[in-house]
């Protein structure tokens, strides 16, 4: 049975930041830490909004999701602040990454190289780091041009992934 998530409705401030998709199935946990399925609102990302508008095809949206998944698996997100109780030494810290993350990094590198510049940069920032097109294009080009760059990059990414 799927429960309706209560007290999870977006407030007016949240609604000003973009569209919300309703009735998305999610996993929630009760007081005993047991999982159950529920329905909740979900914020639509850049790719989802472009797909709904018809600006990109379903294959291009799938390519973007594959890139995003590889990006998160590869642990390429921005560094976070260290814990206060950790001792910081001078020099480079050796970072151990899993074989799965290493393979994902190679796939990201191949995809960015296949797309080229400025599309690869747009994919990295807007799909990987999930920044807005406005943030990415702030000093480079107009938002309309940035949208065209992203659409072109997603088309090339679709071909690269053979979708």
N, C-alpha and C. Protein backbone atom coordinates (compact mmCIF):
# COMPACT_ATOMS: atom_id res chain seq x y z
N UNK A 1 0.84 -1.18 0.00
CA UNK A 1 0.00 0.00 0.00
C UNK A 1 0.89 1.25 0.00
N UNK A 2 0.51 2.22 -0.78
CA UNK A 2 1.28 3.46 -0.87
C UNK A 2 0.56 4.54 -0.08
N UNK A 3 1.27 5.14 0.85
CA UNK A 3 0.72 6.20 1.69
C UNK A 3 1.00 7.56 1.06
N UNK A 4 0.15 8.51 1.36
CA UNK A 4 0.38 9.89 0.94
C UNK A 4 1.23 10.57 1.99
N UNK A 5 2.35 11.16 1.60
CA UNK A 5 3.23 11.83 2.56
C UNK A 5 2.56 13.12 3.01
N UNK A 6 2.36 13.25 4.31
CA UNK A 6 1.75 14.43 4.89
C UNK A 6 2.83 15.43 5.27
N UNK A 7 2.48 16.67 5.38
CA UNK A 7 3.39 17.73 5.80
C UNK A 7 4.60 17.85 4.88
N UNK A 8 4.48 17.38 3.67
CA UNK A 8 5.59 17.45 2.74
C UNK A 8 5.24 18.32 1.53
N UNK A 9 4.16 19.06 1.65
CA UNK A 9 3.74 19.92 0.56
C UNK A 9 4.67 21.12 0.50
N UNK A 10 5.07 21.52 -0.72
CA UNK A 10 5.98 22.66 -0.83
C UNK A 10 5.30 23.97 -0.45
N UNK A 11 6.04 24.84 0.22
CA UNK A 11 5.48 26.13 0.58
C UNK A 11 5.63 27.10 -0.59
N UNK A 12 5.09 28.29 -0.42
CA UNK A 12 5.10 29.27 -1.51
C UNK A 12 6.52 29.66 -1.91
N UNK A 13 7.40 29.78 -0.92
CA UNK A 13 8.80 30.14 -1.22
C UNK A 13 9.44 29.09 -2.13
N UNK A 14 9.20 27.80 -1.84
CA UNK A 14 9.77 26.72 -2.65
C UNK A 14 9.20 26.74 -4.06
N UNK A 15 7.93 27.03 -4.19
CA UNK A 15 7.29 27.04 -5.50
C UNK A 15 7.83 28.14 -6.41
N UNK A 16 8.43 29.17 -5.84
CA UNK A 16 9.03 30.24 -6.64
C UNK A 16 10.31 29.80 -7.34
N UNK A 17 10.90 28.68 -6.91
CA UNK A 17 12.18 28.23 -7.45
C UNK A 17 12.07 27.19 -8.54
N UNK A 18 10.89 26.95 -9.04
CA UNK A 18 10.75 26.01 -10.14
C UNK A 18 9.59 25.05 -9.93
N UNK A 19 9.26 24.33 -10.99
CA UNK A 19 8.10 23.44 -10.93
C UNK A 19 8.30 22.23 -10.03
N UNK A 20 7.20 21.72 -9.55
CA UNK A 20 7.16 20.55 -8.69
C UNK A 20 6.31 19.49 -9.37
N UNK A 21 6.79 18.27 -9.40
CA UNK A 21 6.00 17.16 -9.93
C UNK A 21 5.34 16.47 -8.74
N UNK A 22 4.07 16.26 -8.83
CA UNK A 22 3.33 15.65 -7.72
C UNK A 22 3.22 14.15 -7.92
N UNK A 23 2.94 13.44 -6.84
CA UNK A 23 2.66 12.00 -6.86
C UNK A 23 3.83 11.17 -7.38
N UNK A 24 5.03 11.48 -6.90
CA UNK A 24 6.22 10.69 -7.22
C UNK A 24 6.41 9.68 -6.10
N UNK A 25 6.61 8.42 -6.46
CA UNK A 25 6.78 7.39 -5.45
C UNK A 25 8.17 7.48 -4.84
N UNK A 26 8.22 7.48 -3.51
CA UNK A 26 9.47 7.57 -2.77
C UNK A 26 9.47 6.53 -1.65
N UNK A 27 10.62 6.32 -1.04
CA UNK A 27 10.73 5.44 0.13
C UNK A 27 10.86 6.32 1.36
N UNK A 28 10.02 6.06 2.36
CA UNK A 28 10.09 6.78 3.63
C UNK A 28 10.31 5.76 4.74
N UNK A 29 10.79 6.23 5.88
CA UNK A 29 11.07 5.35 7.02
C UNK A 29 10.23 5.76 8.20
N UNK A 30 9.66 4.76 8.90
CA UNK A 30 8.86 5.04 10.08
C UNK A 30 9.76 5.18 11.31
N UNK A 31 9.15 5.30 12.49
CA UNK A 31 9.91 5.50 13.73
C UNK A 31 10.80 4.31 14.07
N UNK A 32 10.44 3.13 13.60
CA UNK A 32 11.24 1.93 13.84
C UNK A 32 12.26 1.69 12.73
N UNK A 33 12.42 2.68 11.85
CA UNK A 33 13.38 2.61 10.74
C UNK A 33 13.03 1.53 9.71
N UNK A 34 11.73 1.27 9.56
CA UNK A 34 11.27 0.33 8.54
C UNK A 34 10.88 1.11 7.29
N UNK A 35 11.33 0.66 6.10
CA UNK A 35 11.00 1.38 4.88
C UNK A 35 9.56 1.09 4.42
N UNK A 36 8.96 2.07 3.80
CA UNK A 36 7.66 1.88 3.16
C UNK A 36 7.57 2.84 1.98
N UNK A 37 6.70 2.51 1.04
CA UNK A 37 6.53 3.38 -0.13
C UNK A 37 5.51 4.45 0.16
N UNK A 38 5.75 5.63 -0.39
CA UNK A 38 4.83 6.75 -0.21
C UNK A 38 4.86 7.62 -1.46
N UNK A 39 3.93 8.55 -1.53
CA UNK A 39 3.86 9.47 -2.65
C UNK A 39 4.18 10.87 -2.13
N UNK A 40 5.09 11.57 -2.81
CA UNK A 40 5.51 12.90 -2.37
C UNK A 40 5.78 13.79 -3.58
N UNK A 41 5.81 15.10 -3.40
CA UNK A 41 6.20 15.98 -4.50
C UNK A 41 7.70 15.92 -4.75
N UNK A 42 8.12 16.18 -5.98
CA UNK A 42 9.54 16.15 -6.34
C UNK A 42 9.84 17.36 -7.21
N UNK A 43 10.95 18.01 -6.93
CA UNK A 43 11.37 19.16 -7.75
C UNK A 43 11.85 18.65 -9.11
N UNK A 44 11.46 19.33 -10.16
CA UNK A 44 11.90 18.96 -11.50
C UNK A 44 13.23 19.62 -11.79
N UNK A 45 14.16 18.85 -12.29
CA UNK A 45 15.47 19.37 -12.66
C UNK A 45 15.46 19.95 -14.06
N UNK A 46 16.60 20.46 -14.46
CA UNK A 46 16.76 21.08 -15.76
C UNK A 46 16.40 20.13 -16.90
N UNK A 47 16.91 18.92 -16.86
CA UNK A 47 16.67 17.96 -17.94
C UNK A 47 15.19 17.56 -17.99
N UNK A 48 14.58 17.33 -16.84
CA UNK A 48 13.17 16.96 -16.81
C UNK A 48 12.29 18.06 -17.39
N UNK A 49 12.60 19.32 -17.06
CA UNK A 49 11.81 20.44 -17.59
C UNK A 49 11.99 20.55 -19.10
N UNK A 50 13.23 20.37 -19.59
CA UNK A 50 13.46 20.45 -21.03
C UNK A 50 12.76 19.31 -21.77
N UNK A 51 12.73 18.12 -21.18
CA UNK A 51 12.05 16.99 -21.80
C UNK A 51 10.54 17.22 -21.83
N UNK A 52 9.98 17.77 -20.76
CA UNK A 52 8.55 18.05 -20.74
C UNK A 52 8.15 19.09 -21.76
N UNK A 53 9.03 20.09 -21.97
CA UNK A 53 8.77 21.13 -22.97
C UNK A 53 8.93 20.61 -24.39
N UNK A 54 9.61 19.48 -24.56
CA UNK A 54 9.87 18.96 -25.89
C UNK A 54 11.14 19.52 -26.51
N UNK A 55 11.96 20.20 -25.70
CA UNK A 55 13.21 20.77 -26.21
C UNK A 55 14.25 19.69 -26.46
N UNK A 56 14.17 18.58 -25.72
CA UNK A 56 15.08 17.45 -25.93
C UNK A 56 14.26 16.17 -26.03
N UNK A 57 14.82 15.18 -26.69
CA UNK A 57 14.15 13.89 -26.86
C UNK A 57 14.32 13.04 -25.60
N UNK A 58 13.57 11.95 -25.55
CA UNK A 58 13.70 11.03 -24.43
C UNK A 58 15.09 10.41 -24.39
N UNK A 59 15.68 10.15 -25.55
CA UNK A 59 17.03 9.58 -25.61
C UNK A 59 18.06 10.55 -25.07
N UNK A 60 17.88 11.84 -25.36
CA UNK A 60 18.79 12.85 -24.84
C UNK A 60 18.65 12.95 -23.31
N UNK A 61 17.43 12.85 -22.81
CA UNK A 61 17.20 12.87 -21.36
C UNK A 61 17.84 11.63 -20.72
N UNK A 62 17.75 10.48 -21.39
CA UNK A 62 18.38 9.26 -20.87
C UNK A 62 19.89 9.40 -20.85
N UNK A 63 20.46 10.03 -21.88
CA UNK A 63 21.91 10.26 -21.92
C UNK A 63 22.33 11.17 -20.78
N UNK A 64 21.54 12.21 -20.50
CA UNK A 64 21.84 13.12 -19.40
C UNK A 64 21.78 12.39 -18.06
N UNK A 65 20.79 11.52 -17.90
CA UNK A 65 20.67 10.77 -16.65
C UNK A 65 21.84 9.80 -16.49
N UNK A 66 22.27 9.20 -17.58
CA UNK A 66 23.43 8.29 -17.52
C UNK A 66 24.69 9.06 -17.14
N UNK A 67 24.88 10.26 -17.72
CA UNK A 67 26.02 11.10 -17.38
C UNK A 67 25.97 11.49 -15.91
N UNK A 68 24.79 11.92 -15.43
CA UNK A 68 24.62 12.33 -14.04
C UNK A 68 24.92 11.17 -13.10
N UNK A 69 24.45 9.99 -13.44
CA UNK A 69 24.69 8.81 -12.61
C UNK A 69 26.18 8.49 -12.54
N UNK A 70 26.86 8.50 -13.69
CA UNK A 70 28.31 8.27 -13.70
C UNK A 70 29.05 9.34 -12.91
N UNK A 71 28.59 10.58 -13.02
CA UNK A 71 29.25 11.69 -12.32
C UNK A 71 29.17 11.49 -10.81
N UNK A 72 27.99 11.10 -10.33
CA UNK A 72 27.84 10.89 -8.88
C UNK A 72 28.60 9.67 -8.42
N UNK A 73 28.61 8.61 -9.24
CA UNK A 73 29.37 7.40 -8.89
C UNK A 73 30.85 7.69 -8.82
N UNK A 74 31.33 8.58 -9.69
CA UNK A 74 32.76 8.87 -9.77
C UNK A 74 33.25 9.79 -8.66
N UNK A 75 32.36 10.31 -7.86
CA UNK A 75 32.72 11.17 -6.72
C UNK A 75 33.51 12.40 -7.18
N UNK A 76 33.02 13.08 -8.20
CA UNK A 76 33.68 14.27 -8.71
C UNK A 76 33.05 15.57 -8.22
N UNK A 77 32.13 15.48 -7.27
CA UNK A 77 31.51 16.67 -6.74
C UNK A 77 32.55 17.53 -6.03
N UNK A 78 32.19 18.76 -5.77
CA UNK A 78 33.10 19.69 -5.11
C UNK A 78 33.46 19.17 -3.72
N UNK A 79 34.65 19.51 -3.27
CA UNK A 79 35.11 19.09 -1.95
C UNK A 79 34.31 19.77 -0.85
N UNK A 80 34.13 19.06 0.21
CA UNK A 80 33.43 19.59 1.38
C UNK A 80 34.46 19.93 2.46
N UNK A 81 34.04 20.68 3.43
CA UNK A 81 34.92 21.04 4.54
C UNK A 81 35.26 19.79 5.35
N UNK A 82 36.46 19.74 5.87
CA UNK A 82 36.91 18.61 6.69
C UNK A 82 36.26 18.70 8.06
N UNK A 83 36.16 17.58 8.71
CA UNK A 83 35.66 17.53 10.07
C UNK A 83 36.68 18.22 10.99
N UNK A 84 36.19 18.86 12.01
CA UNK A 84 37.08 19.60 12.90
C UNK A 84 38.03 18.69 13.67
N UNK A 85 37.65 17.44 13.92
CA UNK A 85 38.50 16.55 14.68
C UNK A 85 39.55 15.83 13.82
N UNK A 86 39.51 16.00 12.51
CA UNK A 86 40.50 15.37 11.63
C UNK A 86 41.77 16.20 11.61
N UNK A 87 42.87 15.51 11.59
CA UNK A 87 44.16 16.20 11.52
C UNK A 87 44.52 16.41 10.05
N UNK A 88 44.86 17.62 9.72
CA UNK A 88 45.20 17.98 8.35
C UNK A 88 46.72 18.07 8.25
N UNK A 89 47.30 17.34 7.32
CA UNK A 89 48.74 17.39 7.10
C UNK A 89 49.03 18.22 5.87
N UNK A 90 50.24 18.65 5.75
CA UNK A 90 50.61 19.41 4.56
C UNK A 90 50.83 18.45 3.40
N UNK A 91 50.71 18.94 2.21
CA UNK A 91 50.89 18.10 1.03
C UNK A 91 49.58 17.51 0.56
N UNK A 92 49.65 16.68 -0.45
CA UNK A 92 48.46 16.07 -1.02
C UNK A 92 47.99 14.89 -0.17
N UNK A 93 46.70 14.78 -0.03
CA UNK A 93 46.13 13.65 0.68
C UNK A 93 45.84 12.55 -0.34
N UNK A 94 46.26 11.35 -0.03
CA UNK A 94 45.98 10.26 -0.94
C UNK A 94 44.52 9.87 -0.78
N UNK A 95 43.83 9.79 -1.90
CA UNK A 95 42.42 9.46 -1.87
C UNK A 95 42.22 8.10 -2.51
N UNK A 96 41.67 7.20 -1.77
CA UNK A 96 41.36 5.89 -2.31
C UNK A 96 39.96 5.93 -2.88
N UNK A 97 39.85 5.56 -4.14
CA UNK A 97 38.53 5.47 -4.75
C UNK A 97 38.31 4.04 -5.19
N UNK A 98 37.08 3.66 -5.27
CA UNK A 98 36.76 2.29 -5.65
C UNK A 98 36.98 2.08 -7.15
N UNK A 99 37.06 0.82 -7.52
CA UNK A 99 37.21 0.48 -8.94
C UNK A 99 36.00 0.97 -9.73
N UNK A 100 34.83 0.87 -9.12
CA UNK A 100 33.60 1.34 -9.77
C UNK A 100 33.66 2.84 -10.03
N UNK A 101 34.14 3.61 -9.06
CA UNK A 101 34.29 5.06 -9.23
C UNK A 101 35.33 5.38 -10.28
N UNK A 102 36.41 4.62 -10.32
CA UNK A 102 37.45 4.84 -11.32
C UNK A 102 36.91 4.60 -12.73
N UNK A 103 36.12 3.55 -12.91
CA UNK A 103 35.52 3.27 -14.22
C UNK A 103 34.55 4.37 -14.61
N UNK A 104 33.77 4.87 -13.63
CA UNK A 104 32.84 5.96 -13.90
C UNK A 104 33.59 7.23 -14.31
N UNK A 105 34.73 7.49 -13.68
CA UNK A 105 35.54 8.65 -14.06
C UNK A 105 36.04 8.54 -15.50
N UNK A 106 36.43 7.34 -15.89
CA UNK A 106 36.87 7.15 -17.28
C UNK A 106 35.72 7.40 -18.25
N UNK A 107 34.52 6.93 -17.90
CA UNK A 107 33.37 7.15 -18.78
C UNK A 107 33.04 8.64 -18.87
N UNK A 108 33.17 9.37 -17.76
CA UNK A 108 32.92 10.81 -17.76
C UNK A 108 33.94 11.50 -18.66
N UNK A 109 35.22 11.15 -18.52
CA UNK A 109 36.27 11.74 -19.34
C UNK A 109 36.01 11.47 -20.83
N UNK A 110 35.67 10.24 -21.18
CA UNK A 110 35.38 9.91 -22.58
C UNK A 110 34.19 10.71 -23.10
N UNK A 111 33.15 10.86 -22.28
CA UNK A 111 31.97 11.60 -22.71
C UNK A 111 32.29 13.08 -22.92
N UNK A 112 33.03 13.68 -21.98
CA UNK A 112 33.37 15.10 -22.11
C UNK A 112 34.27 15.32 -23.32
N UNK A 113 35.21 14.42 -23.56
CA UNK A 113 36.07 14.53 -24.74
C UNK A 113 35.26 14.37 -26.02
N UNK A 114 34.28 13.48 -26.04
CA UNK A 114 33.46 13.27 -27.23
C UNK A 114 32.62 14.51 -27.55
N UNK A 115 32.14 15.17 -26.51
CA UNK A 115 31.29 16.35 -26.71
C UNK A 115 32.12 17.57 -27.08
N UNK A 116 33.30 17.70 -26.51
CA UNK A 116 34.16 18.85 -26.82
C UNK A 116 33.79 20.07 -26.00
N UNK A 117 34.31 21.22 -26.45
CA UNK A 117 34.11 22.48 -25.72
C UNK A 117 33.22 23.39 -26.54
N UNK A 118 32.27 24.09 -26.02
CA UNK A 118 31.93 24.32 -24.62
C UNK A 118 30.92 23.32 -24.07
N UNK A 119 30.45 22.37 -24.89
CA UNK A 119 29.44 21.42 -24.45
C UNK A 119 29.87 20.57 -23.28
N UNK A 120 31.14 20.13 -23.27
CA UNK A 120 31.64 19.32 -22.17
C UNK A 120 31.61 20.07 -20.85
N UNK A 121 31.97 21.34 -20.91
CA UNK A 121 31.92 22.18 -19.71
C UNK A 121 30.49 22.34 -19.23
N UNK A 122 29.56 22.51 -20.16
CA UNK A 122 28.15 22.65 -19.82
C UNK A 122 27.63 21.36 -19.18
N UNK A 123 27.98 20.20 -19.74
CA UNK A 123 27.57 18.93 -19.15
C UNK A 123 28.11 18.79 -17.73
N UNK A 124 29.38 19.12 -17.55
CA UNK A 124 30.03 18.99 -16.25
C UNK A 124 29.30 19.84 -15.21
N UNK A 125 29.06 21.10 -15.54
CA UNK A 125 28.47 22.03 -14.58
C UNK A 125 26.96 21.82 -14.40
N UNK A 126 26.23 21.70 -15.51
CA UNK A 126 24.76 21.68 -15.43
C UNK A 126 24.19 20.30 -15.17
N UNK A 127 24.79 19.26 -15.71
CA UNK A 127 24.28 17.91 -15.49
C UNK A 127 25.01 17.25 -14.32
N UNK A 128 26.33 17.32 -14.31
CA UNK A 128 27.10 16.69 -13.24
C UNK A 128 26.95 17.39 -11.91
N UNK A 129 27.27 18.68 -11.86
CA UNK A 129 27.19 19.44 -10.61
C UNK A 129 25.80 20.00 -10.34
N UNK A 130 24.89 19.84 -11.31
CA UNK A 130 23.50 20.27 -11.21
C UNK A 130 23.35 21.76 -10.94
N UNK A 131 24.18 22.55 -11.60
CA UNK A 131 24.02 24.00 -11.54
C UNK A 131 23.01 24.40 -12.60
N UNK A 132 22.53 25.63 -12.53
CA UNK A 132 21.59 26.11 -13.52
C UNK A 132 22.34 26.58 -14.77
N UNK A 133 21.63 26.65 -15.88
CA UNK A 133 22.24 27.19 -17.10
C UNK A 133 22.67 28.64 -16.89
N UNK A 134 21.90 29.38 -16.12
CA UNK A 134 22.24 30.78 -15.85
C UNK A 134 23.56 30.88 -15.09
N UNK A 135 23.77 30.00 -14.10
CA UNK A 135 25.03 30.01 -13.35
C UNK A 135 26.20 29.66 -14.27
N UNK A 136 26.01 28.66 -15.14
CA UNK A 136 27.10 28.24 -16.02
C UNK A 136 27.43 29.31 -17.05
N UNK A 137 26.41 29.95 -17.60
CA UNK A 137 26.63 30.88 -18.71
C UNK A 137 26.83 32.32 -18.27
N UNK A 138 26.88 32.58 -17.00
CA UNK A 138 26.88 33.94 -16.47
C UNK A 138 27.87 34.87 -17.17
N UNK A 139 29.10 34.43 -17.39
CA UNK A 139 30.09 35.30 -18.00
C UNK A 139 30.48 34.85 -19.40
N UNK A 140 29.82 33.83 -19.92
CA UNK A 140 30.21 33.24 -21.19
C UNK A 140 29.31 33.65 -22.34
N UNK A 141 27.98 33.59 -22.14
CA UNK A 141 27.03 33.80 -23.23
C UNK A 141 25.65 34.09 -22.67
N UNK A 142 24.71 34.33 -23.57
CA UNK A 142 23.32 34.58 -23.15
C UNK A 142 22.68 33.25 -22.73
N UNK A 143 21.64 33.30 -21.91
CA UNK A 143 20.95 32.07 -21.52
C UNK A 143 20.38 31.29 -22.71
N UNK A 144 19.94 31.99 -23.75
CA UNK A 144 19.42 31.31 -24.94
C UNK A 144 20.52 30.53 -25.64
N UNK A 145 21.70 31.12 -25.74
CA UNK A 145 22.84 30.43 -26.35
C UNK A 145 23.26 29.24 -25.49
N UNK A 146 23.22 29.41 -24.17
CA UNK A 146 23.59 28.33 -23.26
C UNK A 146 22.65 27.15 -23.42
N UNK A 147 21.36 27.43 -23.60
CA UNK A 147 20.39 26.38 -23.81
C UNK A 147 20.70 25.62 -25.09
N UNK A 148 21.08 26.34 -26.13
CA UNK A 148 21.48 25.70 -27.39
C UNK A 148 22.72 24.84 -27.23
N UNK A 149 23.68 25.32 -26.44
CA UNK A 149 24.90 24.54 -26.18
C UNK A 149 24.54 23.24 -25.47
N UNK A 150 23.66 23.32 -24.47
CA UNK A 150 23.27 22.12 -23.73
C UNK A 150 22.52 21.14 -24.63
N UNK A 151 21.61 21.63 -25.44
CA UNK A 151 20.87 20.75 -26.36
C UNK A 151 21.83 20.07 -27.33
N UNK A 152 22.78 20.83 -27.89
CA UNK A 152 23.78 20.24 -28.78
C UNK A 152 24.64 19.21 -28.07
N UNK A 153 25.04 19.52 -26.83
CA UNK A 153 25.87 18.59 -26.06
C UNK A 153 25.11 17.31 -25.75
N UNK A 154 23.83 17.42 -25.43
CA UNK A 154 23.03 16.24 -25.15
C UNK A 154 22.82 15.40 -26.40
N UNK A 155 22.69 16.06 -27.56
CA UNK A 155 22.59 15.32 -28.82
C UNK A 155 23.86 14.54 -29.10
N UNK A 156 25.01 15.16 -28.90
CA UNK A 156 26.29 14.47 -29.10
C UNK A 156 26.47 13.36 -28.07
N UNK A 157 26.05 13.61 -26.84
CA UNK A 157 26.14 12.60 -25.79
C UNK A 157 25.27 11.39 -26.11
N UNK A 158 24.09 11.64 -26.67
CA UNK A 158 23.21 10.55 -27.08
C UNK A 158 23.88 9.66 -28.11
N UNK A 159 24.55 10.27 -29.08
CA UNK A 159 25.27 9.51 -30.11
C UNK A 159 26.45 8.76 -29.49
N UNK A 160 27.16 9.44 -28.57
CA UNK A 160 28.31 8.80 -27.91
C UNK A 160 27.89 7.57 -27.12
N UNK A 161 26.73 7.65 -26.44
CA UNK A 161 26.23 6.52 -25.68
C UNK A 161 25.48 5.50 -26.54
N UNK A 162 25.32 5.81 -27.81
CA UNK A 162 24.61 4.94 -28.76
C UNK A 162 23.18 4.65 -28.31
N UNK A 163 22.47 5.71 -27.94
CA UNK A 163 21.07 5.57 -27.51
C UNK A 163 20.12 5.85 -28.66
